[in-house]
Amino acid sequence: MLQKPKLLTVLDVAAIASFLAATALVFFYAPLERVMGAVQKVFYFHVASGWVGMLSFLVAAIVGIIYLIRKDLKWDSVGVAAVEIGIAFTLINVVTGAIWARPIWNTWWTWDPRLTTATIMELVYLAYLMLRAGIEEPERRARFGAVYAIVGFLSVPLTFFSIRLFRTIHPVVIGSNDPGAMGAFDMTPTMTQVFLFSLLAFTIVYFDLLWHRIRLGRLAERVESLRLKVQA
């Protein structure tokens, strides 16, 4: 087993502490929204998890480019780790969005542009994992995965800008006050503080999980290398 770096232990503590602090701030410090009430508190987790998902896919695209240039499999490990974490947090984003939508839109799901593009983005990266699962040769798998991660990233800006490009009932909370969107609201200074801290906390959690997943990937590479030597 690889020895756990001390810095990773520090990051573990920071991730747990910041997540617990963010949760406490959401439920005990942030005020209730005047119209939506308690369900609005889902917003802090919903947006933060969506941010982490998109950040993950950005990281995967960047390391995909680096891999194609340097041909070093360690960058492939970072890429697959980022995609797996991104898929998990995007799923959290979609689920919390449905929880918020039920009392606000009176339905768990509607084919709104933001919901549709977010789901497509999730499916695009699930297909990335399926592609990798069908290729045994490590370098060929890494090359195909890198190209796919770069091309697949096109779904990320489409998802992010969908509520600005298309007619939608999804509120644009950041950078716009859209009174026509169902569920739109203006954040108070306290809400803004909690929102920004939630983004920070989820970002710390993301990098902590990413580091752990990369270490796990390196161990998996050693096992696969030994397996290929035995088969040879």
C-alpha atoms as a PDB file:
ATOM      1  CA  MET A   1       0.000   0.000   0.000  1.00  0.00           C
ATOM      2  CA  LEU A   2       1.116   3.549  -0.724  1.00  0.00           C
ATOM      3  CA  GLN A   3       1.871   5.542   2.413  1.00  0.00           C
ATOM      4  CA  LYS A   4      -0.746   8.203   3.008  1.00  0.00           C
ATOM      5  CA  PRO A   5       0.745  11.709   2.713  1.00  0.00           C
ATOM      6  CA  LYS A   6       0.378  13.939   5.766  1.00  0.00           C
ATOM      7  CA  LEU A   7      -1.009  16.699   3.573  1.00  0.00           C
ATOM      8  CA  LEU A   8      -3.819  14.378   2.496  1.00  0.00           C
ATOM      9  CA  THR A   9      -4.680  13.744   6.142  1.00  0.00           C
ATOM     10  CA  VAL A  10      -4.861  17.501   6.668  1.00  0.00           C
ATOM     11  CA  LEU A  11      -7.085  17.787   3.600  1.00  0.00           C
ATOM     12  CA  ASP A  12      -9.320  15.020   4.993  1.00  0.00           C
ATOM     13  CA  VAL A  13      -9.851  16.997   8.184  1.00  0.00           C
ATOM     14  CA  ALA A  14     -10.431  20.232   6.254  1.00  0.00           C
ATOM     15  CA  ALA A  15     -12.970  18.542   3.982  1.00  0.00           C
ATOM     16  CA  ILE A  16     -14.965  17.049   6.843  1.00  0.00           C
ATOM     17  CA  ALA A  17     -14.842  20.230   8.927  1.00  0.00           C
ATOM     18  CA  SER A  18     -15.823  22.521   6.055  1.00  0.00           C
ATOM     19  CA  PHE A  19     -18.681  20.255   4.958  1.00  0.00           C
ATOM     20  CA  LEU A  20     -20.088  20.057   8.496  1.00  0.00           C
ATOM     21  CA  ALA A  21     -19.706  23.815   8.879  1.00  0.00           C
ATOM     22  CA  ALA A  22     -21.485  24.442   5.569  1.00  0.00           C
ATOM     23  CA  THR A  23     -24.337  22.147   6.606  1.00  0.00           C
ATOM     24  CA  ALA A  24     -24.677  23.949   9.941  1.00  0.00           C
ATOM     25  CA  LEU A  25     -24.697  27.336   8.218  1.00  0.00           C
ATOM     26  CA  VAL A  26     -27.359  26.213   5.749  1.00  0.00           C
ATOM     27  CA  PHE A  27     -29.761  24.957   8.422  1.00  0.00           C
ATOM     28  CA  PHE A  28     -29.040  27.260  11.365  1.00  0.00           C
ATOM     29  CA  TYR A  29     -27.613  30.519   9.953  1.00  0.00           C
ATOM     30  CA  ALA A  30     -29.096  31.106   6.512  1.00  0.00           C
ATOM     31  CA  PRO A  31     -32.578  32.668   6.774  1.00  0.00           C
ATOM     32  CA  LEU A  32     -35.716  31.063   5.416  1.00  0.00           C
ATOM     33  CA  GLU A  33     -36.637  32.327   1.958  1.00  0.00           C
ATOM     34  CA  ARG A  34     -39.883  34.309   2.180  1.00  0.00           C
ATOM     35  CA  VAL A  35     -41.824  32.437  -0.537  1.00  0.00           C
ATOM     36  CA  MET A  36     -40.251  28.966  -0.799  1.00  0.00           C
ATOM     37  CA  GLY A  37     -39.470  28.447   2.863  1.00  0.00           C
ATOM     38  CA  ALA A  38     -37.312  25.520   3.991  1.00  0.00           C
ATOM     39  CA  VAL A  39     -37.121  23.852   0.559  1.00  0.00           C
ATOM     40  CA  GLN A  40     -34.954  26.736  -0.671  1.00  0.00           C
ATOM     41  CA  LYS A  41     -32.122  25.408   1.517  1.00  0.00           C
ATOM     42  CA  VAL A  42     -31.665  22.602  -1.019  1.00  0.00           C
ATOM     43  CA  PHE A  43     -30.302  25.345  -3.272  1.00  0.00           C
ATOM     44  CA  TYR A  44     -26.961  25.481  -1.435  1.00  0.00           C
ATOM     45  CA  PHE A  45     -26.265  21.775  -1.964  1.00  0.00           C
ATOM     46  CA  HIS A  46     -27.810  21.695  -5.440  1.00  0.00           C
ATOM     47  CA  VAL A  47     -25.651  24.451  -6.910  1.00  0.00           C
ATOM     48  CA  ALA A  48     -22.479  23.407  -5.065  1.00  0.00           C
ATOM     49  CA  SER A  49     -22.736  19.817  -6.300  1.00  0.00           C
ATOM     50  CA  GLY A  50     -23.388  21.051  -9.831  1.00  0.00           C
ATOM     51  CA  TRP A  51     -20.298  23.264  -9.598  1.00  0.00           C
ATOM     52  CA  VAL A  52     -18.175  20.294  -8.493  1.00  0.00           C
ATOM     53  CA  GLY A  53     -19.534  18.147 -11.315  1.00  0.00           C
ATOM     54  CA  MET A  54     -18.631  20.722 -13.958  1.00  0.00           C
ATOM     55  CA  LEU A  55     -15.240  21.388 -12.340  1.00  0.00           C
ATOM     56  CA  SER A  56     -14.527  17.653 -12.459  1.00  0.00           C
ATOM     57  CA  PHE A  57     -15.284  17.431 -16.154  1.00  0.00           C
ATOM     58  CA  LEU A  58     -13.102  20.479 -16.802  1.00  0.00           C
ATOM     59  CA  VAL A  59     -10.233  18.777 -14.969  1.00  0.00           C
ATOM     60  CA  ALA A  60     -10.793  15.616 -17.024  1.00  0.00           C
ATOM     61  CA  ALA A  61     -10.597  17.601 -20.278  1.00  0.00           C
ATOM     62  CA  ILE A  62      -7.421  19.409 -19.206  1.00  0.00           C
ATOM     63  CA  VAL A  63      -5.587  16.254 -18.125  1.00  0.00           C
ATOM     64  CA  GLY A  64      -6.823  14.576 -21.311  1.00  0.00           C
ATOM     65  CA  ILE A  65      -4.942  17.203 -23.316  1.00  0.00           C
ATOM     66  CA  ILE A  66      -1.885  16.750 -21.102  1.00  0.00           C
ATOM     67  CA  TYR A  67      -1.993  12.973 -21.613  1.00  0.00           C
ATOM     68  CA  LEU A  68      -2.166  13.298 -25.405  1.00  0.00           C
ATOM     69  CA  ILE A  69       0.940  15.508 -25.259  1.00  0.00           C
ATOM     70  CA  ARG A  70       3.019  13.596 -22.704  1.00  0.00           C
ATOM     71  CA  LYS A  71       1.691  10.010 -23.049  1.00  0.00           C
ATOM     72  CA  ASP A  72       2.076   9.503 -19.288  1.00  0.00           C
ATOM     73  CA  LEU A  73      -0.538   7.159 -17.798  1.00  0.00           C
ATOM     74  CA  LYS A  74      -0.591   9.035 -14.497  1.00  0.00           C
ATOM     75  CA  TRP A  75      -2.635  11.745 -16.248  1.00  0.00           C
ATOM     76  CA  ASP A  76      -5.091   9.108 -17.386  1.00  0.00           C
ATOM     77  CA  SER A  77      -5.564   8.126 -13.736  1.00  0.00           C
ATOM     78  CA  VAL A  78      -6.379  11.730 -12.880  1.00  0.00           C
ATOM     79  CA  GLY A  79      -8.822  11.933 -15.775  1.00  0.00           C
ATOM     80  CA  VAL A  80     -10.837   8.852 -14.889  1.00  0.00           C
ATOM     81  CA  ALA A  81     -10.866   9.873 -11.219  1.00  0.00           C
ATOM     82  CA  ALA A  82     -12.231  13.304 -12.138  1.00  0.00           C
ATOM     83  CA  VAL A  83     -14.930  11.833 -14.375  1.00  0.00           C
ATOM     84  CA  GLU A  84     -16.119   9.352 -11.737  1.00  0.00           C
ATOM     85  CA  ILE A  85     -16.390  12.073  -9.098  1.00  0.00           C
ATOM     86  CA  GLY A  86     -18.063  14.397 -11.591  1.00  0.00           C
ATOM     87  CA  ILE A  87     -20.696  11.769 -12.387  1.00  0.00           C
ATOM     88  CA  ALA A  88     -21.445  11.298  -8.682  1.00  0.00           C
ATOM     89  CA  PHE A  89     -21.835  15.016  -7.966  1.00  0.00           C
ATOM     90  CA  THR A  90     -23.851  15.644 -11.125  1.00  0.00           C
ATOM     91  CA  LEU A  91     -26.242  12.917  -9.984  1.00  0.00           C
ATOM     92  CA  ILE A  92     -26.526  14.679  -6.620  1.00  0.00           C
ATOM     93  CA  ASN A  93     -27.239  17.891  -8.510  1.00  0.00           C
ATOM     94  CA  VAL A  94     -30.040  16.283 -10.526  1.00  0.00           C
ATOM     95  CA  VAL A  95     -31.584  14.556  -7.486  1.00  0.00           C
ATOM     96  CA  THR A  96     -31.534  17.682  -5.298  1.00  0.00           C
ATOM     97  CA  GLY A  97     -32.988  19.616  -8.227  1.00  0.00           C
ATOM     98  CA  ALA A  98     -35.891  17.173  -8.336  1.00  0.00           C
ATOM     99  CA  ILE A  99     -36.404  17.544  -4.568  1.00  0.00           C
ATOM    100  CA  TRP A 100     -36.567  21.311  -5.005  1.00  0.00           C
ATOM    101  CA  ALA A 101     -38.795  21.113  -8.094  1.00  0.00           C
ATOM    102  CA  ARG A 102     -41.538  18.967  -6.516  1.00  0.00           C
ATOM    103  CA  PRO A 103     -42.993  21.673  -4.245  1.00  0.00           C
ATOM    104  CA  ILE A 104     -42.062  24.587  -6.539  1.00  0.00           C
ATOM    105  CA  TRP A 105     -43.029  23.252  -9.972  1.00  0.00           C
ATOM    106  CA  ASN A 106     -45.451  20.614  -8.650  1.00  0.00           C
ATOM    107  CA  THR A 107     -43.560  17.889 -10.476  1.00  0.00           C
ATOM    108  CA  TRP A 108     -40.410  15.856  -9.932  1.00  0.00           C
ATOM    109  CA  TRP A 109     -39.320  16.277 -13.537  1.00  0.00           C
ATOM    110  CA  THR A 110     -39.970  18.466 -16.549  1.00  0.00           C
ATOM    111  CA  TRP A 111     -38.119  18.638 -19.846  1.00  0.00           C
ATOM    112  CA  ASP A 112     -36.753  22.061 -19.079  1.00  0.00           C
ATOM    113  CA  PRO A 113     -33.557  22.950 -21.035  1.00  0.00           C
ATOM    114  CA  ARG A 114     -31.371  22.985 -17.888  1.00  0.00           C
ATOM    115  CA  LEU A 115     -32.661  19.622 -16.632  1.00  0.00           C
ATOM    116  CA  THR A 116     -32.426  18.068 -20.073  1.00  0.00           C
ATOM    117  CA  THR A 117     -28.876  19.259 -20.792  1.00  0.00           C
ATOM    118  CA  ALA A 118     -27.707  18.247 -17.304  1.00  0.00           C
ATOM    119  CA  THR A 119     -29.071  14.755 -17.870  1.00  0.00           C
ATOM    120  CA  ILE A 120     -27.418  14.561 -21.288  1.00  0.00           C
ATOM    121  CA  MET A 121     -24.128  15.639 -19.707  1.00  0.00           C
ATOM    122  CA  GLU A 122     -24.459  12.866 -17.120  1.00  0.00           C
ATOM    123  CA  LEU A 123     -25.159  10.277 -19.827  1.00  0.00           C
ATOM    124  CA  VAL A 124     -22.203  11.505 -21.912  1.00  0.00           C
ATOM    125  CA  TYR A 125     -19.802  10.758 -19.072  1.00  0.00           C
ATOM    126  CA  LEU A 126     -21.457   7.466 -18.158  1.00  0.00           C
ATOM    127  CA  ALA A 127     -20.711   6.485 -21.758  1.00  0.00           C
ATOM    128  CA  TYR A 128     -17.075   7.478 -21.094  1.00  0.00           C
ATOM    129  CA  LEU A 129     -16.884   4.784 -18.408  1.00  0.00           C
ATOM    130  CA  MET A 130     -18.518   2.258 -20.728  1.00  0.00           C
ATOM    131  CA  LEU A 131     -15.977   3.084 -23.434  1.00  0.00           C
ATOM    132  CA  ARG A 132     -13.083   2.505 -21.058  1.00  0.00           C
ATOM    133  CA  ALA A 133     -14.586  -0.757 -19.809  1.00  0.00           C
ATOM    134  CA  GLY A 134     -14.529  -2.136 -23.355  1.00  0.00           C
ATOM    135  CA  ILE A 135     -10.797  -1.529 -23.949  1.00  0.00           C
ATOM    136  CA  GLU A 136      -8.214  -3.708 -22.200  1.00  0.00           C
ATOM    137  CA  GLU A 137      -4.943  -2.284 -23.531  1.00  0.00           C
ATOM    138  CA  PRO A 138      -3.977   0.552 -21.092  1.00  0.00           C
ATOM    139  CA  GLU A 139      -2.418   3.019 -23.532  1.00  0.00           C
ATOM    140  CA  ARG A 140      -5.157   2.619 -26.124  1.00  0.00           C
ATOM    141  CA  ARG A 141      -7.796   2.978 -23.383  1.00  0.00           C
ATOM    142  CA  ALA A 142      -6.091   6.121 -22.084  1.00  0.00           C
ATOM    143  CA  ARG A 143      -5.879   7.641 -25.563  1.00  0.00           C
ATOM    144  CA  PHE A 144      -9.532   7.009 -26.371  1.00  0.00           C
ATOM    145  CA  GLY A 145     -10.546   8.214 -22.906  1.00  0.00           C
ATOM    146  CA  ALA A 146      -8.568  11.437 -23.286  1.00  0.00           C
ATOM    147  CA  VAL A 147     -10.121  12.271 -26.650  1.00  0.00           C
ATOM    148  CA  TYR A 148     -13.601  11.447 -25.352  1.00  0.00           C
ATOM    149  CA  ALA A 149     -13.129  13.614 -22.233  1.00  0.00           C
ATOM    150  CA  ILE A 150     -12.086  16.567 -24.388  1.00  0.00           C
ATOM    151  CA  VAL A 151     -14.986  16.223 -26.834  1.00  0.00           C
ATOM    152  CA  GLY A 152     -17.467  15.376 -24.079  1.00  0.00           C
ATOM    153  CA  PHE A 153     -16.644  18.620 -22.301  1.00  0.00           C
ATOM    154  CA  LEU A 154     -18.717  20.432 -24.932  1.00  0.00           C
ATOM    155  CA  SER A 155     -21.760  19.279 -22.950  1.00  0.00           C
ATOM    156  CA  VAL A 156     -20.608  21.280 -19.898  1.00  0.00           C
ATOM    157  CA  PRO A 157     -20.855  24.861 -21.259  1.00  0.00           C
ATOM    158  CA  LEU A 158     -24.068  23.858 -23.041  1.00  0.00           C
ATOM    159  CA  THR A 159     -25.530  22.849 -19.682  1.00  0.00           C
ATOM    160  CA  PHE A 160     -24.255  25.935 -17.887  1.00  0.00           C
ATOM    161  CA  PHE A 161     -25.522  28.439 -20.467  1.00  0.00           C
ATOM    162  CA  SER A 162     -28.769  26.606 -21.290  1.00  0.00           C
ATOM    163  CA  ILE A 163     -30.818  28.803 -18.940  1.00  0.00           C
ATOM    164  CA  ARG A 164     -29.426  31.867 -20.707  1.00  0.00           C
ATOM    165  CA  LEU A 165     -29.707  30.556 -24.274  1.00  0.00           C
ATOM    166  CA  PHE A 166     -33.178  28.967 -24.174  1.00  0.00           C
ATOM    167  CA  ARG A 167     -36.586  29.825 -22.786  1.00  0.00           C
ATOM    168  CA  THR A 168     -36.686  28.119 -19.411  1.00  0.00           C
ATOM    169  CA  ILE A 169     -38.496  28.118 -16.092  1.00  0.00           C
ATOM    170  CA  HIS A 170     -35.265  27.339 -14.251  1.00  0.00           C
ATOM    171  CA  PRO A 171     -34.192  30.441 -12.275  1.00  0.00           C
ATOM    172  CA  VAL A 172     -30.962  32.271 -13.028  1.00  0.00           C
ATOM    173  CA  VAL A 173     -29.916  33.070  -9.482  1.00  0.00           C
ATOM    174  CA  ILE A 174     -26.361  34.205 -10.234  1.00  0.00           C
ATOM    175  CA  GLY A 175     -25.938  37.252 -12.428  1.00  0.00           C
ATOM    176  CA  SER A 176     -29.610  37.801 -13.239  1.00  0.00           C
ATOM    177  CA  ASN A 177     -32.930  38.548 -11.603  1.00  0.00           C
ATOM    178  CA  ASP A 178     -35.519  36.790 -13.735  1.00  0.00           C
ATOM    179  CA  PRO A 179     -38.993  37.346 -12.268  1.00  0.00           C
ATOM    180  CA  GLY A 180     -40.497  35.106 -14.942  1.00  0.00           C
ATOM    181  CA  ALA A 181     -38.694  31.985 -13.747  1.00  0.00           C
ATOM    182  CA  MET A 182     -40.571  29.839 -11.249  1.00  0.00           C
ATOM    183  CA  GLY A 183     -38.533  29.688  -8.064  1.00  0.00           C
ATOM    184  CA  ALA A 184     -36.367  32.740  -8.749  1.00  0.00           C
ATOM    185  CA  PHE A 185     -35.346  34.697  -5.659  1.00  0.00           C
ATOM    186  CA  ASP A 186     -32.943  37.414  -4.601  1.00  0.00           C
ATOM    187  CA  MET A 187     -30.255  36.308  -2.160  1.00  0.00           C
ATOM    188  CA  THR A 188     -29.789  38.336   0.992  1.00  0.00           C
ATOM    189  CA  PRO A 189     -26.204  39.087   2.129  1.00  0.00           C
ATOM    190  CA  THR A 190     -26.444  36.216   4.625  1.00  0.00           C
ATOM    191  CA  MET A 191     -27.620  33.824   1.921  1.00  0.00           C
ATOM    192  CA  THR A 192     -24.746  34.925  -0.293  1.00  0.00           C
ATOM    193  CA  GLN A 193     -22.233  34.259   2.494  1.00  0.00           C
ATOM    194  CA  VAL A 194     -23.591  30.752   3.071  1.00  0.00           C
ATOM    195  CA  PHE A 195     -23.741  30.071  -0.657  1.00  0.00           C
ATOM    196  CA  LEU A 196     -20.105  31.065  -1.214  1.00  0.00           C
ATOM    197  CA  PHE A 197     -18.965  29.046   1.791  1.00  0.00           C
ATOM    198  CA  SER A 198     -20.881  26.013   0.472  1.00  0.00           C
ATOM    199  CA  LEU A 199     -19.075  26.333  -2.855  1.00  0.00           C
ATOM    200  CA  LEU A 200     -15.749  26.489  -1.017  1.00  0.00           C
ATOM    201  CA  ALA A 201     -16.596  23.498   1.191  1.00  0.00           C
ATOM    202  CA  PHE A 202     -17.681  21.338  -1.737  1.00  0.00           C
ATOM    203  CA  THR A 203     -14.543  22.331  -3.638  1.00  0.00           C
ATOM    204  CA  ILE A 204     -12.352  21.203  -0.729  1.00  0.00           C
ATOM    205  CA  VAL A 205     -14.300  17.936  -0.526  1.00  0.00           C
ATOM    206  CA  TYR A 206     -13.811  17.488  -4.271  1.00  0.00           C
ATOM    207  CA  PHE A 207     -10.038  17.799  -4.205  1.00  0.00           C
ATOM    208  CA  ASP A 208      -9.879  15.497  -1.185  1.00  0.00           C
ATOM    209  CA  LEU A 209     -11.912  12.825  -2.985  1.00  0.00           C
ATOM    210  CA  LEU A 210      -9.906  13.341  -6.174  1.00  0.00           C
ATOM    211  CA  TRP A 211      -6.611  12.751  -4.376  1.00  0.00           C
ATOM    212  CA  HIS A 212      -7.938   9.562  -2.748  1.00  0.00           C
ATOM    213  CA  ARG A 213      -9.302   8.301  -6.088  1.00  0.00           C
ATOM    214  CA  ILE A 214      -5.998   8.977  -7.843  1.00  0.00           C
ATOM    215  CA  ARG A 215      -4.129   6.946  -5.201  1.00  0.00           C
ATOM    216  CA  LEU A 216      -6.631   4.123  -5.650  1.00  0.00           C
ATOM    217  CA  GLY A 217      -6.166   4.317  -9.414  1.00  0.00           C
ATOM    218  CA  ARG A 218      -2.408   3.953  -9.094  1.00  0.00           C
ATOM    219  CA  LEU A 219      -2.862   0.801  -7.038  1.00  0.00           C
ATOM    220  CA  ALA A 220      -5.265  -0.525  -9.682  1.00  0.00           C
ATOM    221  CA  GLU A 221      -2.660   0.192 -12.364  1.00  0.00           C
ATOM    222  CA  ARG A 222      -0.085  -1.868 -10.467  1.00  0.00           C
ATOM    223  CA  VAL A 223      -2.511  -4.768 -10.212  1.00  0.00           C
ATOM    224  CA  GLU A 224      -3.348  -4.530 -13.918  1.00  0.00           C
ATOM    225  CA  SER A 225       0.336  -4.370 -14.837  1.00  0.00           C
ATOM    226  CA  LEU A 226       1.031  -7.540 -12.852  1.00  0.00           C
ATOM    227  CA  ARG A 227      -1.968  -9.247 -14.448  1.00  0.00           C
ATOM    228  CA  LEU A 228      -0.756  -8.415 -17.957  1.00  0.00           C
ATOM    229  CA  LYS A 229       2.735  -9.723 -17.122  1.00  0.00           C
ATOM    230  CA  VAL A 230       1.267 -13.003 -15.863  1.00  0.00           C
ATOM    231  CA  GLN A 231      -0.883 -13.390 -18.977  1.00  0.00           C
ATOM    232  CA  ALA A 232       2.140 -12.693 -21.189  1.00  0.00           C
END
